[in-house]
C-alpha atoms as a PDB file:
ATOM      1  CA  MET A   1     114.261 106.598 111.707  1.00  0.00           C
ATOM      2  CA  SER A   2     115.966 103.181 113.147  1.00  0.00           C
ATOM      3  CA  GLU A   3     119.593 102.948 112.024  1.00  0.00           C
ATOM      4  CA  HIS A   4     118.913  99.669 111.846  1.00  0.00           C
ATOM      5  CA  LEU A   5     116.255  99.203 109.013  1.00  0.00           C
ATOM      6  CA  LYS A   6     117.099  98.934 105.403  1.00  0.00           C
ATOM      7  CA  PHE A   7     115.113  99.907 102.578  1.00  0.00           C
ATOM      8  CA  LYS A   8     115.036  98.097  98.485  1.00  0.00           C
ATOM      9  CA  VAL A   9     112.243  99.172  96.706  1.00  0.00           C
ATOM     10  CA  TRP A  10     111.835  95.191  94.697  1.00  0.00           C
ATOM     11  CA  TRP A  11     110.162  95.840  90.619  1.00  0.00           C
ATOM     12  CA  ILE A  12     109.266  93.493  87.962  1.00  0.00           C
ATOM     13  CA  PRO A  13     108.055  95.057  84.645  1.00  0.00           C
ATOM     14  CA  GLN A  14     106.802  91.931  83.147  1.00  0.00           C
ATOM     15  CA  ILE A  15     105.493  88.963  84.782  1.00  0.00           C
ATOM     16  CA  PRO A  16     106.991  85.860  84.946  1.00  0.00           C
ATOM     17  CA  MET A  17     110.599  88.001  84.558  1.00  0.00           C
ATOM     18  CA  LYS A  18     112.920  88.019  87.478  1.00  0.00           C
ATOM     19  CA  SER A  19     112.340  91.148  90.222  1.00  0.00           C
ATOM     20  CA  PHE A  20     115.014  94.364  89.693  1.00  0.00           C
ATOM     21  CA  GLU A  21     116.085  95.397  93.369  1.00  0.00           C
ATOM     22  CA  VAL A  22     117.493  99.029  94.446  1.00  0.00           C
ATOM     23  CA  SER A  23     118.443 100.097  97.551  1.00  0.00           C
ATOM     24  CA  VAL A  24     116.395 103.131  99.050  1.00  0.00           C
ATOM     25  CA  SER A  25     116.930 105.274 101.782  1.00  0.00           C
ATOM     26  CA  SER A  26     113.486 105.592 103.012  1.00  0.00           C
ATOM     27  CA  ILE A  27     109.715 104.578 103.211  1.00  0.00           C
ATOM     28  CA  GLU A  28     109.495 107.649 100.659  1.00  0.00           C
ATOM     29  CA  GLU A  29     112.437 106.826  98.260  1.00  0.00           C
ATOM     30  CA  GLY A  30     110.663 103.488  97.507  1.00  0.00           C
ATOM     31  CA  ARG A  31     107.704 104.619  97.442  1.00  0.00           C
ATOM     32  CA  LYS A  32     108.106 107.700  94.498  1.00  0.00           C
ATOM     33  CA  LEU A  33     110.559 105.519  93.254  1.00  0.00           C
ATOM     34  CA  CYS A  34     107.887 102.292  92.477  1.00  0.00           C
ATOM     35  CA  GLU A  35     105.789 105.369  91.218  1.00  0.00           C
ATOM     36  CA  VAL A  36     108.555 106.486  88.811  1.00  0.00           C
ATOM     37  CA  LEU A  37     108.398 102.595  87.877  1.00  0.00           C
ATOM     38  CA  ALA A  38     105.314 102.688  86.871  1.00  0.00           C
ATOM     39  CA  ASP A  39     104.484 104.998  85.057  1.00  0.00           C
ATOM     40  CA  TYR A  40     108.033 104.312  82.741  1.00  0.00           C
ATOM     41  CA  ASP A  41     106.350 100.973  82.219  1.00  0.00           C
ATOM     42  CA  LEU A  42     102.881 102.488  81.544  1.00  0.00           C
ATOM     43  CA  PHE A  43     105.129 105.625  78.918  1.00  0.00           C
ATOM     44  CA  GLN A  44     106.620 102.787  77.415  1.00  0.00           C
ATOM     45  CA  PHE A  45     102.919 101.088  76.746  1.00  0.00           C
ATOM     46  CA  GLU A  46     101.769 103.831  75.372  1.00  0.00           C
ATOM     47  CA  ASN A  47     103.751 105.038  73.191  1.00  0.00           C
ATOM     48  CA  LYS A  48     103.872 101.159  71.340  1.00  0.00           C
ATOM     49  CA  ILE A  49     107.503 100.791  73.052  1.00  0.00           C
ATOM     50  CA  LYS A  50     106.215  97.103  74.004  1.00  0.00           C
ATOM     51  CA  PRO A  51     102.604  95.541  73.047  1.00  0.00           C
ATOM     52  CA  ASP A  52     101.107  95.188  76.962  1.00  0.00           C
ATOM     53  CA  TYR A  53     102.665  94.861  80.455  1.00  0.00           C
ATOM     54  CA  CYS A  54     102.245  92.998  84.239  1.00  0.00           C
ATOM     55  CA  ASN A  55     104.006  95.021  86.818  1.00  0.00           C
ATOM     56  CA  SER A  56     104.478  94.933  90.939  1.00  0.00           C
ATOM     57  CA  GLY A  57     106.213  96.061  93.020  1.00  0.00           C
ATOM     58  CA  GLY A  58     106.639  97.392  96.723  1.00  0.00           C
ATOM     59  CA  VAL A  59     108.743  98.715  99.006  1.00  0.00           C
ATOM     60  CA  VAL A  60     110.339  95.926 101.046  1.00  0.00           C
ATOM     61  CA  PHE A  61     112.901  96.652 104.339  1.00  0.00           C
ATOM     62  CA  ARG A  62     114.454  94.582 106.960  1.00  0.00           C
ATOM     63  CA  HIS A  63     115.898  94.485 110.254  1.00  0.00           C
ATOM     64  CA  PRO A  64     117.616  92.386 112.793  1.00  0.00           C
ATOM     65  CA  ALA A  65     115.116  91.745 115.324  1.00  0.00           C
ATOM     66  CA  ILE A  66     111.961  91.289 113.366  1.00  0.00           C
ATOM     67  CA  ASP A  67     111.622  87.963 111.235  1.00  0.00           C
ATOM     68  CA  ASN A  68     115.413  87.161 112.123  1.00  0.00           C
ATOM     69  CA  GLY A  69     116.707  89.841 109.463  1.00  0.00           C
ATOM     70  CA  ALA A  70     114.221  88.061 106.582  1.00  0.00           C
ATOM     71  CA  TRP A  71     113.041  91.105 103.536  1.00  0.00           C
ATOM     72  CA  LEU A  72     109.662  92.672 104.868  1.00  0.00           C
ATOM     73  CA  ASP A  73     106.945  94.590 103.016  1.00  0.00           C
ATOM     74  CA  VAL A  74     106.587  97.664 104.445  1.00  0.00           C
ATOM     75  CA  PRO A  75     102.646  98.322 104.724  1.00  0.00           C
ATOM     76  CA  ASP A  76     100.263  99.991 102.920  1.00  0.00           C
ATOM     77  CA  ASP A  77      97.776 101.547 104.468  1.00  0.00           C
ATOM     78  CA  GLU A  78      98.336 104.025 107.455  1.00  0.00           C
ATOM     79  CA  GLU A  79      97.342 102.347 110.865  1.00  0.00           C
ATOM     80  CA  GLU A  80      99.582  99.724 110.066  1.00  0.00           C
ATOM     81  CA  LEU A  81     102.372 102.260 109.178  1.00  0.00           C
ATOM     82  CA  GLN A  82     102.126 103.278 112.337  1.00  0.00           C
ATOM     83  CA  ASP A  83     102.119 100.361 114.644  1.00  0.00           C
ATOM     84  CA  TRP A  84     105.021  98.824 112.414  1.00  0.00           C
ATOM     85  CA  ARG A  85     106.996 102.061 113.490  1.00  0.00           C
ATOM     86  CA  LYS A  86     105.738 101.649 116.647  1.00  0.00           C
ATOM     87  CA  GLU A  87     107.273  97.458 116.254  1.00  0.00           C
ATOM     88  CA  ILE A  88     110.397  99.333 114.805  1.00  0.00           C
ATOM     89  CA  SER A  89     110.925 101.636 117.883  1.00  0.00           C
ATOM     90  CA  GLU A  90     111.003  98.576 120.119  1.00  0.00           C
ATOM     91  CA  ALA A  91     112.720  96.111 118.216  1.00  0.00           C
ATOM     92  CA  ASP A  92     115.145  99.015 118.622  1.00  0.00           C
ATOM     93  CA  ALA A  93     115.480  99.498 122.414  1.00  0.00           C
ATOM     94  CA  SER A  94     115.432  95.436 122.265  1.00  0.00           C
ATOM     95  CA  ILE A  95     118.774  96.219 119.769  1.00  0.00           C
ATOM     96  CA  ASP A  96     120.351  99.027 122.716  1.00  0.00           C
ATOM     97  CA  ALA A  97     119.221  96.776 125.491  1.00  0.00           C
ATOM     98  CA  ARG A  98     121.180  93.854 124.994  1.00  0.00           C
ATOM     99  CA  LYS A  99     124.349  96.558 123.804  1.00  0.00           C
ATOM    100  CA  ALA A 100     122.970  97.596 127.289  1.00  0.00           C
ATOM    101  CA  GLY A 101     123.754  94.817 129.333  1.00  0.00           C
ATOM    102  CA  ALA A 102     126.830  93.446 127.202  1.00  0.00           C
END
């Protein structure tokens, strides 16, 4: 995967509070962490630690050559993910071409 990519997980255990954010090394690690956080929220609810919850979260990425390095959602759909990987590859090639021409 691209050396230019950065990933993080954002998680809101109770909307509308602010999100918890943590860096992760890959999409897979981010998705697993989201599953763990969701399971933990459910565990707390089922064990009456909190009376209810409305959580939300996801994996985001940034790449310096895409959208000015803004944090963007990683696609969930496999077809969209394939297109995304192609876009990352093209963005990397663009950066490499600029470096080679400099």
